[in-house]
N, C-alpha and C. Protein backbone atom coordinates (compact mmCIF):
# COMPACT_ATOMS: atom_id res chain seq x y z
N MET A 1 69.66 94.90 79.97
CA MET A 1 69.32 94.88 81.39
C MET A 1 70.54 95.26 82.22
N THR A 2 70.32 96.06 83.25
CA THR A 2 71.41 96.50 84.12
C THR A 2 71.92 95.34 84.96
N GLU A 3 73.24 95.26 85.10
CA GLU A 3 73.85 94.25 85.95
C GLU A 3 73.44 94.50 87.40
N THR A 4 73.08 93.43 88.11
CA THR A 4 72.66 93.55 89.51
C THR A 4 73.48 92.61 90.38
N TRP A 5 73.90 93.11 91.53
CA TRP A 5 74.63 92.31 92.51
C TRP A 5 73.83 92.24 93.80
N LEU A 6 73.82 91.07 94.42
CA LEU A 6 73.17 90.88 95.71
C LEU A 6 74.26 90.63 96.75
N VAL A 7 74.38 91.55 97.70
CA VAL A 7 75.38 91.45 98.76
C VAL A 7 74.63 91.14 100.05
N VAL A 8 74.92 89.98 100.64
CA VAL A 8 74.21 89.52 101.83
C VAL A 8 75.15 89.59 103.03
N GLY A 9 74.75 90.35 104.04
CA GLY A 9 75.53 90.45 105.26
C GLY A 9 74.97 89.48 106.30
N LEU A 10 75.78 88.52 106.71
CA LEU A 10 75.28 87.51 107.63
C LEU A 10 75.36 87.99 109.07
N GLY A 11 74.41 87.53 109.86
CA GLY A 11 74.34 87.89 111.27
C GLY A 11 73.05 87.40 111.88
N ASN A 12 72.83 87.77 113.12
CA ASN A 12 71.60 87.43 113.83
C ASN A 12 70.80 88.69 114.07
N PRO A 13 69.44 88.58 114.03
CA PRO A 13 68.61 89.77 114.26
C PRO A 13 68.54 90.12 115.75
N GLY A 14 68.31 91.38 116.04
CA GLY A 14 68.10 91.80 117.42
C GLY A 14 69.29 92.54 118.00
N ALA A 15 68.98 93.52 118.85
CA ALA A 15 69.99 94.39 119.42
C ALA A 15 71.02 93.63 120.25
N GLN A 16 70.61 92.52 120.88
CA GLN A 16 71.53 91.77 121.75
C GLN A 16 72.67 91.13 120.96
N TYR A 17 72.50 90.97 119.63
CA TYR A 17 73.54 90.35 118.79
C TYR A 17 74.34 91.37 117.98
N ALA A 18 73.89 92.63 117.97
CA ALA A 18 74.41 93.63 117.03
C ALA A 18 75.93 93.78 117.06
N GLY A 19 76.56 93.68 118.24
CA GLY A 19 78.00 93.87 118.34
C GLY A 19 78.81 92.59 118.33
N ASN A 20 78.14 91.44 118.12
CA ASN A 20 78.83 90.15 118.13
C ASN A 20 79.76 89.98 116.94
N ARG A 21 80.79 89.17 117.12
CA ARG A 21 81.69 88.84 116.00
C ARG A 21 80.89 88.23 114.84
N HIS A 22 79.87 87.42 115.19
CA HIS A 22 79.06 86.74 114.18
C HIS A 22 78.31 87.74 113.30
N ASN A 23 78.16 88.98 113.75
CA ASN A 23 77.39 89.98 113.01
C ASN A 23 78.25 90.94 112.20
N VAL A 24 79.53 90.63 112.05
CA VAL A 24 80.41 91.58 111.35
C VAL A 24 79.96 91.77 109.90
N GLY A 25 79.36 90.75 109.28
CA GLY A 25 78.84 90.88 107.91
C GLY A 25 77.79 91.96 107.80
N GLN A 26 76.91 92.03 108.81
CA GLN A 26 75.87 93.07 108.80
C GLN A 26 76.47 94.45 109.08
N MET A 27 77.54 94.49 109.89
CA MET A 27 78.21 95.77 110.14
C MET A 27 78.80 96.32 108.83
N VAL A 28 79.35 95.42 108.01
CA VAL A 28 79.92 95.82 106.73
C VAL A 28 78.82 96.36 105.81
N LEU A 29 77.65 95.73 105.83
CA LEU A 29 76.55 96.22 104.99
C LEU A 29 76.06 97.60 105.45
N ASP A 30 76.07 97.83 106.76
CA ASP A 30 75.70 99.17 107.25
C ASP A 30 76.67 100.22 106.69
N GLU A 31 77.96 99.88 106.66
CA GLU A 31 78.97 100.79 106.10
C GLU A 31 78.72 101.03 104.61
N LEU A 32 78.44 99.96 103.86
CA LEU A 32 78.18 100.10 102.42
C LEU A 32 76.93 100.94 102.17
N ALA A 33 75.88 100.70 102.97
CA ALA A 33 74.64 101.48 102.80
C ALA A 33 74.91 102.96 103.04
N GLN A 34 75.72 103.26 104.05
CA GLN A 34 76.06 104.66 104.35
C GLN A 34 76.81 105.28 103.17
N ARG A 35 77.76 104.53 102.61
CA ARG A 35 78.53 105.05 101.46
C ARG A 35 77.64 105.30 100.25
N MET A 36 76.63 104.43 100.06
CA MET A 36 75.75 104.53 98.90
C MET A 36 74.55 105.45 99.17
N ASN A 37 74.48 105.98 100.42
CA ASN A 37 73.36 106.81 100.82
C ASN A 37 72.04 106.07 100.63
N ALA A 38 72.04 104.80 101.02
CA ALA A 38 70.86 103.94 100.87
C ALA A 38 70.32 103.58 102.24
N ARG A 39 68.99 103.43 102.32
CA ARG A 39 68.35 103.09 103.60
C ARG A 39 67.76 101.68 103.51
N PHE A 40 67.84 100.97 104.64
CA PHE A 40 67.26 99.63 104.71
C PHE A 40 65.77 99.72 105.01
N SER A 41 65.00 98.88 104.32
CA SER A 41 63.58 98.71 104.64
C SER A 41 63.26 97.22 104.53
N VAL A 42 62.16 96.82 105.12
CA VAL A 42 61.81 95.40 105.15
C VAL A 42 61.26 94.98 103.79
N HIS A 43 61.82 93.89 103.25
CA HIS A 43 61.38 93.31 101.98
C HIS A 43 60.56 92.06 102.28
N LYS A 44 59.68 91.69 101.37
CA LYS A 44 58.80 90.55 101.63
C LYS A 44 59.54 89.21 101.75
N THR A 45 60.81 89.17 101.38
CA THR A 45 61.60 87.94 101.50
C THR A 45 62.17 87.76 102.91
N ARG A 46 61.69 88.54 103.87
CA ARG A 46 62.17 88.49 105.26
C ARG A 46 63.63 88.90 105.36
N ALA A 47 63.91 90.00 104.71
CA ALA A 47 65.25 90.60 104.80
C ALA A 47 65.09 92.11 104.86
N GLN A 48 66.05 92.76 105.49
CA GLN A 48 66.15 94.21 105.36
C GLN A 48 66.94 94.47 104.09
N LEU A 49 66.42 95.33 103.24
CA LEU A 49 67.02 95.54 101.93
C LEU A 49 67.26 97.02 101.67
N ALA A 50 68.45 97.31 101.15
CA ALA A 50 68.78 98.66 100.69
C ALA A 50 69.29 98.53 99.25
N GLU A 51 68.92 99.48 98.41
CA GLU A 51 69.32 99.44 97.00
C GLU A 51 70.07 100.71 96.64
N GLY A 52 71.08 100.55 95.78
CA GLY A 52 71.82 101.72 95.34
C GLY A 52 72.88 101.35 94.32
N ARG A 53 73.79 102.29 94.10
CA ARG A 53 74.91 102.09 93.17
C ARG A 53 76.17 102.66 93.80
N LEU A 54 77.31 102.08 93.43
CA LEU A 54 78.59 102.60 93.94
C LEU A 54 78.94 103.91 93.27
N ARG A 55 78.48 104.08 92.03
CA ARG A 55 78.76 105.29 91.27
C ARG A 55 77.67 105.44 90.22
N ILE A 56 77.52 106.62 89.67
CA ILE A 56 76.52 106.86 88.63
C ILE A 56 76.84 105.96 87.44
N GLY A 57 75.84 105.25 86.96
CA GLY A 57 76.04 104.36 85.81
C GLY A 57 76.61 103.00 86.19
N GLY A 58 76.93 102.82 87.46
CA GLY A 58 77.46 101.53 87.92
C GLY A 58 76.35 100.51 88.08
N PRO A 59 76.73 99.27 88.36
CA PRO A 59 75.72 98.22 88.51
C PRO A 59 74.82 98.48 89.72
N LYS A 60 73.61 97.95 89.64
CA LYS A 60 72.67 98.04 90.76
C LYS A 60 73.15 97.11 91.87
N ILE A 61 73.13 97.61 93.10
CA ILE A 61 73.58 96.81 94.24
C ILE A 61 72.45 96.66 95.23
N LEU A 62 72.16 95.44 95.60
CA LEU A 62 71.16 95.12 96.61
C LEU A 62 71.90 94.70 97.87
N LEU A 63 71.72 95.42 98.95
CA LEU A 63 72.33 95.07 100.23
C LEU A 63 71.24 94.41 101.07
N ALA A 64 71.49 93.18 101.51
CA ALA A 64 70.46 92.43 102.23
C ALA A 64 70.97 91.91 103.56
N LYS A 65 70.16 92.15 104.60
CA LYS A 65 70.43 91.59 105.92
C LYS A 65 69.25 90.68 106.26
N PRO A 66 69.44 89.34 106.16
CA PRO A 66 68.33 88.44 106.48
C PRO A 66 67.82 88.70 107.90
N MET A 67 66.51 88.62 108.08
CA MET A 67 65.90 88.86 109.38
C MET A 67 65.75 87.56 110.18
N SER A 68 66.23 86.47 109.60
CA SER A 68 66.22 85.18 110.29
C SER A 68 67.54 85.03 111.04
N TYR A 69 67.63 83.99 111.86
CA TYR A 69 68.90 83.72 112.52
C TYR A 69 69.91 83.24 111.49
N MET A 70 71.19 83.41 111.84
CA MET A 70 72.31 83.09 110.96
C MET A 70 72.14 81.75 110.23
N ASN A 71 71.77 80.71 110.98
CA ASN A 71 71.70 79.36 110.42
C ASN A 71 70.60 79.21 109.38
N LEU A 72 69.73 80.21 109.24
CA LEU A 72 68.63 80.17 108.28
C LEU A 72 68.75 81.30 107.26
N SER A 73 69.97 81.67 106.92
CA SER A 73 70.22 82.79 105.99
C SER A 73 69.84 82.48 104.55
N GLY A 74 69.73 81.21 104.22
CA GLY A 74 69.52 80.81 102.83
C GLY A 74 68.17 81.21 102.25
N GLY A 75 67.12 81.16 103.07
CA GLY A 75 65.77 81.46 102.57
C GLY A 75 65.68 82.87 102.00
N ALA A 76 66.13 83.84 102.77
CA ALA A 76 66.08 85.23 102.31
C ALA A 76 67.01 85.44 101.11
N THR A 77 68.20 84.80 101.17
CA THR A 77 69.17 84.97 100.08
C THR A 77 68.62 84.44 98.76
N SER A 78 68.10 83.21 98.78
CA SER A 78 67.58 82.63 97.53
C SER A 78 66.31 83.34 97.09
N GLY A 79 65.48 83.78 98.07
CA GLY A 79 64.26 84.51 97.71
C GLY A 79 64.57 85.82 97.00
N LEU A 80 65.56 86.56 97.51
CA LEU A 80 65.96 87.82 96.86
C LEU A 80 66.60 87.56 95.50
N ALA A 81 67.44 86.52 95.42
CA ALA A 81 68.08 86.20 94.14
C ALA A 81 67.02 85.88 93.07
N ARG A 82 66.00 85.12 93.45
CA ARG A 82 64.91 84.80 92.51
C ARG A 82 64.12 86.06 92.16
N PHE A 83 63.75 86.83 93.18
CA PHE A 83 62.90 88.01 93.00
C PHE A 83 63.55 89.01 92.04
N PHE A 84 64.87 89.21 92.18
CA PHE A 84 65.57 90.21 91.37
C PHE A 84 66.31 89.60 90.18
N GLY A 85 66.24 88.27 90.00
CA GLY A 85 66.90 87.62 88.86
C GLY A 85 68.41 87.67 88.94
N VAL A 86 68.96 87.49 90.13
CA VAL A 86 70.41 87.54 90.33
C VAL A 86 70.97 86.11 90.32
N GLU A 87 71.93 85.85 89.45
CA GLU A 87 72.57 84.53 89.38
C GLU A 87 73.55 84.37 90.55
N PRO A 88 73.82 83.11 90.96
CA PRO A 88 74.73 82.88 92.09
C PRO A 88 76.11 83.55 91.95
N ASP A 89 76.63 83.68 90.72
CA ASP A 89 77.96 84.29 90.57
C ASP A 89 77.93 85.81 90.80
N HIS A 90 76.73 86.36 91.03
CA HIS A 90 76.58 87.77 91.39
C HIS A 90 76.03 87.93 92.81
N VAL A 91 76.12 86.84 93.59
CA VAL A 91 75.76 86.89 95.00
C VAL A 91 77.06 86.92 95.82
N ILE A 92 77.16 87.86 96.74
CA ILE A 92 78.33 87.99 97.62
C ILE A 92 77.86 87.84 99.06
N ALA A 93 78.36 86.84 99.76
CA ALA A 93 78.07 86.68 101.18
C ALA A 93 79.22 87.29 101.97
N VAL A 94 78.91 88.20 102.87
CA VAL A 94 79.91 88.84 103.73
C VAL A 94 79.72 88.24 105.12
N HIS A 95 80.78 87.59 105.63
CA HIS A 95 80.60 86.84 106.87
C HIS A 95 81.85 86.82 107.73
N ASP A 96 81.65 86.48 109.00
CA ASP A 96 82.75 86.30 109.95
C ASP A 96 83.49 85.00 109.61
N GLU A 97 84.79 84.99 109.85
CA GLU A 97 85.61 83.81 109.54
C GLU A 97 86.62 83.60 110.67
N ILE A 98 86.48 82.49 111.40
CA ILE A 98 87.39 82.22 112.52
C ILE A 98 88.73 81.66 112.05
N ASP A 99 88.77 81.15 110.83
CA ASP A 99 90.00 80.50 110.34
C ASP A 99 91.03 81.48 109.79
N ILE A 100 90.73 82.77 109.84
CA ILE A 100 91.73 83.77 109.46
C ILE A 100 91.81 84.80 110.59
N PRO A 101 92.99 85.40 110.77
CA PRO A 101 93.19 86.29 111.92
C PRO A 101 92.29 87.52 111.87
N PHE A 102 92.00 88.06 113.05
CA PHE A 102 91.29 89.32 113.14
C PHE A 102 92.03 90.37 112.31
N ASN A 103 91.27 91.25 111.68
CA ASN A 103 91.82 92.33 110.87
C ASN A 103 92.33 91.87 109.52
N THR A 104 91.87 90.70 109.06
CA THR A 104 92.27 90.15 107.77
C THR A 104 91.03 89.92 106.92
N ILE A 105 91.14 90.23 105.63
CA ILE A 105 90.04 90.01 104.68
C ILE A 105 90.52 89.01 103.64
N LYS A 106 89.69 88.02 103.32
CA LYS A 106 89.97 87.08 102.23
C LYS A 106 88.73 86.99 101.35
N LEU A 107 88.95 86.78 100.06
CA LEU A 107 87.84 86.65 99.12
C LEU A 107 87.97 85.34 98.38
N LYS A 108 86.82 84.72 98.10
CA LYS A 108 86.86 83.50 97.31
C LYS A 108 85.53 83.26 96.62
N LEU A 109 85.57 82.40 95.63
CA LEU A 109 84.38 81.93 94.93
C LEU A 109 84.22 80.45 95.25
N GLY A 110 83.05 80.08 95.76
CA GLY A 110 82.76 78.67 96.02
C GLY A 110 83.63 78.08 97.11
N GLY A 111 83.74 76.76 97.07
CA GLY A 111 84.52 76.04 98.07
C GLY A 111 83.65 75.65 99.25
N GLY A 112 84.30 75.13 100.27
CA GLY A 112 83.58 74.66 101.45
C GLY A 112 83.09 75.79 102.32
N GLU A 113 82.28 75.42 103.31
CA GLU A 113 81.71 76.42 104.22
C GLU A 113 82.48 76.51 105.52
N GLY A 114 83.47 75.62 105.73
CA GLY A 114 84.30 75.67 106.93
C GLY A 114 83.51 75.61 108.23
N GLY A 115 82.42 74.84 108.24
CA GLY A 115 81.62 74.72 109.45
C GLY A 115 80.72 75.91 109.72
N HIS A 116 80.64 76.86 108.78
CA HIS A 116 79.81 78.06 108.96
C HIS A 116 78.38 77.72 108.53
N ASN A 117 77.48 77.64 109.51
CA ASN A 117 76.11 77.20 109.21
C ASN A 117 75.33 78.19 108.37
N GLY A 118 75.65 79.48 108.46
CA GLY A 118 74.99 80.46 107.59
C GLY A 118 75.32 80.21 106.13
N LEU A 119 76.61 79.96 105.84
CA LEU A 119 77.02 79.65 104.47
C LEU A 119 76.42 78.33 104.00
N ARG A 120 76.40 77.35 104.90
CA ARG A 120 75.85 76.04 104.53
C ARG A 120 74.39 76.18 104.10
N ASP A 121 73.63 77.02 104.81
CA ASP A 121 72.22 77.22 104.49
C ASP A 121 72.06 77.96 103.15
N ILE A 122 72.94 78.91 102.88
CA ILE A 122 72.90 79.62 101.60
C ILE A 122 73.22 78.66 100.46
N SER A 123 74.25 77.85 100.62
CA SER A 123 74.63 76.87 99.58
C SER A 123 73.47 75.93 99.28
N LYS A 124 72.80 75.49 100.33
CA LYS A 124 71.65 74.58 100.16
C LYS A 124 70.52 75.29 99.43
N ALA A 125 70.20 76.52 99.86
CA ALA A 125 69.08 77.26 99.27
C ALA A 125 69.35 77.67 97.82
N LEU A 126 70.60 78.01 97.50
CA LEU A 126 70.95 78.38 96.11
C LEU A 126 71.22 77.15 95.25
N ALA A 127 71.34 75.98 95.89
CA ALA A 127 71.65 74.72 95.22
C ALA A 127 73.02 74.78 94.52
N THR A 128 73.93 75.58 95.07
CA THR A 128 75.30 75.66 94.57
C THR A 128 76.17 76.31 95.64
N LYS A 129 77.46 75.98 95.60
CA LYS A 129 78.43 76.67 96.47
C LYS A 129 79.15 77.77 95.69
N ASP A 130 78.80 77.92 94.41
CA ASP A 130 79.52 78.84 93.54
C ASP A 130 78.97 80.26 93.61
N TYR A 131 79.08 80.84 94.78
CA TYR A 131 78.80 82.26 94.98
C TYR A 131 80.03 82.85 95.66
N LEU A 132 80.13 84.16 95.64
CA LEU A 132 81.33 84.83 96.17
C LEU A 132 81.22 85.03 97.67
N ARG A 133 82.38 85.00 98.33
CA ARG A 133 82.40 85.25 99.77
C ARG A 133 83.46 86.28 100.10
N VAL A 134 83.11 87.22 100.94
CA VAL A 134 84.07 88.14 101.54
C VAL A 134 84.17 87.70 103.00
N ARG A 135 85.31 87.11 103.33
CA ARG A 135 85.53 86.49 104.63
C ARG A 135 86.25 87.49 105.53
N VAL A 136 85.58 87.89 106.61
CA VAL A 136 86.10 88.91 107.51
C VAL A 136 86.68 88.19 108.73
N GLY A 137 87.99 88.27 108.89
CA GLY A 137 88.67 87.53 109.95
C GLY A 137 88.32 88.03 111.33
N VAL A 138 87.88 87.08 112.19
CA VAL A 138 87.61 87.40 113.59
C VAL A 138 88.54 86.61 114.52
N GLY A 139 89.39 85.77 113.95
CA GLY A 139 90.35 85.00 114.75
C GLY A 139 89.70 83.81 115.44
N ARG A 140 90.56 82.99 116.01
CA ARG A 140 90.10 81.77 116.69
C ARG A 140 89.80 82.05 118.16
N PRO A 141 88.88 81.25 118.74
CA PRO A 141 88.61 81.43 120.17
C PRO A 141 89.83 81.13 121.01
N PRO A 142 90.02 81.87 122.11
CA PRO A 142 91.17 81.61 122.96
C PRO A 142 90.99 80.32 123.77
N GLY A 143 92.10 79.66 124.06
CA GLY A 143 92.09 78.49 124.92
C GLY A 143 91.11 77.43 124.45
N ARG A 144 90.26 77.01 125.37
CA ARG A 144 89.28 75.95 125.06
C ARG A 144 87.87 76.51 124.87
N MET A 145 87.77 77.81 124.65
CA MET A 145 86.44 78.41 124.49
C MET A 145 85.72 77.80 123.30
N ASP A 146 84.45 77.51 123.46
CA ASP A 146 83.62 76.96 122.40
C ASP A 146 83.48 78.00 121.28
N THR A 147 83.58 77.52 120.04
CA THR A 147 83.49 78.43 118.88
C THR A 147 82.19 79.21 118.88
N ALA A 148 81.07 78.53 119.16
CA ALA A 148 79.77 79.21 119.15
C ALA A 148 79.73 80.31 120.21
N ASP A 149 80.28 80.04 121.39
CA ASP A 149 80.31 81.07 122.43
C ASP A 149 81.16 82.26 121.98
N TYR A 150 82.27 81.97 121.32
CA TYR A 150 83.21 83.01 120.88
C TYR A 150 82.56 83.94 119.85
N VAL A 151 81.94 83.37 118.83
CA VAL A 151 81.38 84.23 117.77
C VAL A 151 80.13 84.97 118.24
N LEU A 152 79.50 84.49 119.31
CA LEU A 152 78.32 85.18 119.85
C LEU A 152 78.68 86.16 120.96
N LYS A 153 79.97 86.47 121.08
CA LYS A 153 80.42 87.52 122.00
C LYS A 153 80.77 88.77 121.20
N ASP A 154 80.68 89.92 121.87
CA ASP A 154 81.09 91.16 121.22
C ASP A 154 82.61 91.17 121.05
N PHE A 155 83.09 91.99 120.15
CA PHE A 155 84.53 92.16 119.97
C PHE A 155 85.12 92.69 121.27
N SER A 156 86.37 92.29 121.54
CA SER A 156 87.05 92.76 122.75
C SER A 156 87.33 94.27 122.64
N SER A 157 87.67 94.88 123.77
CA SER A 157 87.94 96.33 123.75
C SER A 157 89.13 96.65 122.85
N THR A 158 90.13 95.77 122.83
CA THR A 158 91.29 95.97 121.94
C THR A 158 90.85 95.88 120.48
N GLU A 159 90.04 94.85 120.16
CA GLU A 159 89.56 94.68 118.77
C GLU A 159 88.68 95.85 118.35
N ARG A 160 87.88 96.36 119.28
CA ARG A 160 86.95 97.45 118.92
C ARG A 160 87.68 98.69 118.44
N LYS A 161 88.92 98.89 118.89
CA LYS A 161 89.70 100.04 118.41
C LYS A 161 90.00 99.92 116.92
N ASP A 162 90.23 98.68 116.45
CA ASP A 162 90.55 98.45 115.04
C ASP A 162 89.33 98.08 114.20
N LEU A 163 88.19 97.82 114.85
CA LEU A 163 87.01 97.34 114.14
C LEU A 163 86.55 98.27 113.01
N PRO A 164 86.53 99.61 113.22
CA PRO A 164 86.11 100.48 112.11
C PRO A 164 86.99 100.31 110.86
N PHE A 165 88.29 100.06 111.07
CA PHE A 165 89.20 99.87 109.93
C PHE A 165 88.91 98.55 109.24
N LEU A 166 88.64 97.49 110.03
CA LEU A 166 88.31 96.18 109.46
C LEU A 166 87.02 96.27 108.65
N ILE A 167 86.01 96.93 109.20
CA ILE A 167 84.74 97.07 108.50
C ILE A 167 84.93 97.90 107.24
N GLY A 168 85.70 98.95 107.32
CA GLY A 168 86.00 99.77 106.14
C GLY A 168 86.73 98.99 105.07
N ASP A 169 87.73 98.19 105.48
CA ASP A 169 88.47 97.36 104.52
C ASP A 169 87.56 96.34 103.85
N ALA A 170 86.67 95.72 104.65
CA ALA A 170 85.76 94.72 104.09
C ALA A 170 84.78 95.37 103.10
N ALA A 171 84.30 96.57 103.42
CA ALA A 171 83.42 97.30 102.50
C ALA A 171 84.18 97.65 101.22
N ASP A 172 85.44 98.09 101.37
CA ASP A 172 86.29 98.36 100.19
C ASP A 172 86.43 97.10 99.33
N ALA A 173 86.61 95.94 100.02
CA ALA A 173 86.80 94.67 99.29
C ALA A 173 85.55 94.32 98.49
N VAL A 174 84.37 94.54 99.07
CA VAL A 174 83.12 94.29 98.34
C VAL A 174 83.06 95.18 97.10
N GLU A 175 83.37 96.46 97.27
CA GLU A 175 83.33 97.40 96.15
C GLU A 175 84.33 96.99 95.06
N HIS A 176 85.53 96.62 95.48
CA HIS A 176 86.58 96.22 94.54
C HIS A 176 86.18 94.95 93.78
N LEU A 177 85.58 94.03 94.51
CA LEU A 177 85.12 92.78 93.90
C LEU A 177 84.09 93.06 92.81
N ILE A 178 83.15 93.94 93.09
CA ILE A 178 82.11 94.27 92.11
C ILE A 178 82.69 95.05 90.93
N GLU A 179 83.57 95.99 91.19
CA GLU A 179 84.10 96.87 90.14
C GLU A 179 85.19 96.21 89.30
N SER A 180 86.03 95.36 89.94
CA SER A 180 87.23 94.88 89.24
C SER A 180 87.32 93.37 89.09
N GLY A 181 86.42 92.63 89.76
CA GLY A 181 86.44 91.18 89.64
C GLY A 181 87.23 90.51 90.76
N LEU A 182 87.04 89.19 90.87
CA LEU A 182 87.61 88.43 91.98
C LEU A 182 89.13 88.44 91.97
N GLN A 183 89.74 88.19 90.82
CA GLN A 183 91.20 88.06 90.78
C GLN A 183 91.89 89.36 91.22
N ALA A 184 91.42 90.48 90.70
CA ALA A 184 92.01 91.78 91.06
C ALA A 184 91.81 92.06 92.55
N ALA A 185 90.63 91.74 93.07
CA ALA A 185 90.34 91.97 94.49
C ALA A 185 91.20 91.07 95.37
N GLN A 186 91.39 89.82 94.95
CA GLN A 186 92.25 88.92 95.72
C GLN A 186 93.69 89.43 95.74
N GLN A 187 94.17 89.90 94.59
CA GLN A 187 95.55 90.40 94.53
C GLN A 187 95.73 91.60 95.47
N ARG A 188 94.68 92.39 95.62
CA ARG A 188 94.78 93.58 96.47
C ARG A 188 94.67 93.24 97.95
N TYR A 189 93.81 92.28 98.30
CA TYR A 189 93.52 92.02 99.72
C TYR A 189 94.22 90.81 100.30
N HIS A 190 94.77 89.95 99.48
CA HIS A 190 95.51 88.80 100.02
C HIS A 190 96.98 89.16 100.05
N ALA A 191 97.46 89.40 101.24
CA ALA A 191 98.88 89.76 101.39
C ALA A 191 99.77 88.59 101.00
N PRO A 192 100.94 88.83 100.41
CA PRO A 192 101.86 87.74 100.07
C PRO A 192 102.18 86.90 101.30
N GLY A 193 102.12 85.59 101.11
CA GLY A 193 102.46 84.67 102.19
C GLY A 193 101.35 84.46 103.19
N SER A 194 100.18 85.06 102.94
CA SER A 194 99.07 84.86 103.90
C SER A 194 98.14 83.76 103.44
């Protein structure tokens, strides 16, 4: 049987959320779909799904954007994992991360959700925290701004100049993770001392 990976881009549905920091995971999936020449269509698990491969003979890759709000990402994720027979160690959640600076990518397997309700819902639905995460740094809210307000705002004009590079790096990190494994991807994307 061909190896299959499920890559889930977290975000909220609807045009009003498309440019929000909270939707950077879905932006990364759009980049991956473009690279794989794959198109999204609606799957019965209430997700937009695109299928493809990074290279000829490579593993099958399922790119999924849940059509539910961020806090309910688990239903579509676990439904797709069951439907396609994907084990949690082959599930990659791509999400915004306020605890690391903007323009930074971190990768990990398992661990806590850091207050991220989308991850919390996935952990609950998969009945494990042992799935992979590509954490896309969006930085902390300035001053006393509420975290929820911050992540539901679009990137600033300064950030938007660098956003294509951040999205490209995160897409590269997903590809590297699938092709070379977590340790090699961490060595490449975790800068010394970060």
